[in-house]
Amino acid sequence: MKPISEAQIAGPGLAAVEVVADDEKTATAAAQAVCALWWSSGPSQPWRIPGEPGVRVRAYVDIRRAPDGTTII
């Protein structure tokens, strides 16, 4: 997975959330739970970093918007 760029979080209310868990199912479920709270990219495909424990999943969220895109802040 590519590093997070400044453009992806370039403003108040924008965040990158990276979940690390023991297995793909848990990492994806946790990322989906976060994505259900706000407007998001949805979870990425799971990936591993050689030599580090766990599976990673990333999502980009806009906490200013509800999951349907309507403004909440």
C-alpha atoms as a PDB file:
ATOM      1  CA  MET A   1       0.000   0.000   0.000  1.00  0.00           C
ATOM      2  CA  LYS A   2       1.280   3.461  -0.848  1.00  0.00           C
ATOM      3  CA  PRO A   3       2.072   5.959   1.917  1.00  0.00           C
ATOM      4  CA  ILE A   4      -0.667   8.421   2.829  1.00  0.00           C
ATOM      5  CA  SER A   5      -0.241  11.681   0.914  1.00  0.00           C
ATOM      6  CA  GLU A   6      -0.956  15.177   2.204  1.00  0.00           C
ATOM      7  CA  ALA A   7      -3.675  15.579  -0.444  1.00  0.00           C
ATOM      8  CA  GLN A   8      -5.672  12.712   1.067  1.00  0.00           C
ATOM      9  CA  ILE A   9      -5.932  14.453   4.453  1.00  0.00           C
ATOM     10  CA  ALA A  10      -5.558  18.069   3.330  1.00  0.00           C
ATOM     11  CA  GLY A  11      -8.256  19.679   5.416  1.00  0.00           C
ATOM     12  CA  PRO A  12     -10.146  19.655   8.688  1.00  0.00           C
ATOM     13  CA  GLY A  13     -12.422  16.659   9.005  1.00  0.00           C
ATOM     14  CA  LEU A  14     -10.468  14.400   6.630  1.00  0.00           C
ATOM     15  CA  ALA A  15      -8.623  11.390   8.044  1.00  0.00           C
ATOM     16  CA  ALA A  16      -6.859   8.217   7.035  1.00  0.00           C
ATOM     17  CA  VAL A  17      -7.659   5.280   9.307  1.00  0.00           C
ATOM     18  CA  GLU A  18      -5.397   2.247   9.226  1.00  0.00           C
ATOM     19  CA  VAL A  19      -6.555  -0.870  11.067  1.00  0.00           C
ATOM     20  CA  VAL A  20      -4.089  -3.574  12.079  1.00  0.00           C
ATOM     21  CA  ALA A  21      -5.469  -6.934  13.200  1.00  0.00           C
ATOM     22  CA  ASP A  22      -4.383 -10.547  13.439  1.00  0.00           C
ATOM     23  CA  ASP A  23      -6.427 -11.676  10.419  1.00  0.00           C
ATOM     24  CA  GLU A  24      -8.032 -10.262   7.261  1.00  0.00           C
ATOM     25  CA  LYS A  25     -11.605 -10.862   8.423  1.00  0.00           C
ATOM     26  CA  THR A  26     -11.121  -8.887  11.646  1.00  0.00           C
ATOM     27  CA  ALA A  27      -9.213  -6.028   9.978  1.00  0.00           C
ATOM     28  CA  THR A  28     -11.839  -5.655   7.249  1.00  0.00           C
ATOM     29  CA  ALA A  29     -14.751  -5.823   9.721  1.00  0.00           C
ATOM     30  CA  ALA A  30     -13.164  -3.143  11.921  1.00  0.00           C
ATOM     31  CA  ALA A  31     -12.561  -0.855   8.938  1.00  0.00           C
ATOM     32  CA  GLN A  32     -16.147  -1.393   7.744  1.00  0.00           C
ATOM     33  CA  ALA A  33     -17.420  -0.398  11.210  1.00  0.00           C
ATOM     34  CA  VAL A  34     -15.470   2.876  11.025  1.00  0.00           C
ATOM     35  CA  CYS A  35     -16.683   3.495   7.469  1.00  0.00           C
ATOM     36  CA  ALA A  36     -20.297   3.049   8.598  1.00  0.00           C
ATOM     37  CA  LEU A  37     -19.949   6.145  10.783  1.00  0.00           C
ATOM     38  CA  TRP A  38     -18.889   8.673   8.126  1.00  0.00           C
ATOM     39  CA  TRP A  39     -18.597   9.251   4.410  1.00  0.00           C
ATOM     40  CA  SER A  40     -15.650   7.119   3.338  1.00  0.00           C
ATOM     41  CA  SER A  41     -13.654   5.421   0.649  1.00  0.00           C
ATOM     42  CA  GLY A  42     -14.600   2.059   2.106  1.00  0.00           C
ATOM     43  CA  PRO A  43     -11.981  -0.426   3.278  1.00  0.00           C
ATOM     44  CA  SER A  44      -8.970  -1.144   1.095  1.00  0.00           C
ATOM     45  CA  GLN A  45      -7.810  -4.617   0.204  1.00  0.00           C
ATOM     46  CA  PRO A  46      -5.953  -6.192   3.139  1.00  0.00           C
ATOM     47  CA  TRP A  47      -2.150  -6.218   2.975  1.00  0.00           C
ATOM     48  CA  ARG A  48       0.821  -7.279   5.080  1.00  0.00           C
ATOM     49  CA  ILE A  49       4.162  -5.628   5.713  1.00  0.00           C
ATOM     50  CA  PRO A  50       6.947  -8.223   5.672  1.00  0.00           C
ATOM     51  CA  GLY A  51       8.525  -8.631   9.091  1.00  0.00           C
ATOM     52  CA  GLU A  52       5.643  -6.926  10.932  1.00  0.00           C
ATOM     53  CA  PRO A  53       2.772  -8.719  12.631  1.00  0.00           C
ATOM     54  CA  GLY A  54      -0.815  -8.475  11.468  1.00  0.00           C
ATOM     55  CA  VAL A  55      -2.889  -7.585   8.458  1.00  0.00           C
ATOM     56  CA  ARG A  56      -3.623  -3.962   7.553  1.00  0.00           C
ATOM     57  CA  VAL A  57      -6.664  -2.300   6.015  1.00  0.00           C
ATOM     58  CA  ARG A  58      -6.947   1.428   5.293  1.00  0.00           C
ATOM     59  CA  ALA A  59      -9.907   3.742   4.768  1.00  0.00           C
ATOM     60  CA  TYR A  60     -10.210   7.469   4.143  1.00  0.00           C
ATOM     61  CA  VAL A  61     -13.051   9.205   5.966  1.00  0.00           C
ATOM     62  CA  ASP A  62     -14.676  12.622   5.985  1.00  0.00           C
ATOM     63  CA  ILE A  63     -16.087  13.078   9.489  1.00  0.00           C
ATOM     64  CA  ARG A  64     -18.033  16.153   8.322  1.00  0.00           C
ATOM     65  CA  ARG A  65     -20.430  13.942   6.364  1.00  0.00           C
ATOM     66  CA  ALA A  66     -22.791  11.088   7.145  1.00  0.00           C
ATOM     67  CA  PRO A  67     -22.339   7.774   5.264  1.00  0.00           C
ATOM     68  CA  ASP A  68     -24.818   8.984   2.612  1.00  0.00           C
ATOM     69  CA  GLY A  69     -22.769  12.150   1.990  1.00  0.00           C
ATOM     70  CA  THR A  70     -25.046  14.604   3.783  1.00  0.00           C
ATOM     71  CA  THR A  71     -23.351  17.258   5.917  1.00  0.00           C
ATOM     72  CA  ILE A  72     -23.355  16.583   9.669  1.00  0.00           C
ATOM     73  CA  ILE A  73     -20.960  19.292  10.902  1.00  0.00           C
END
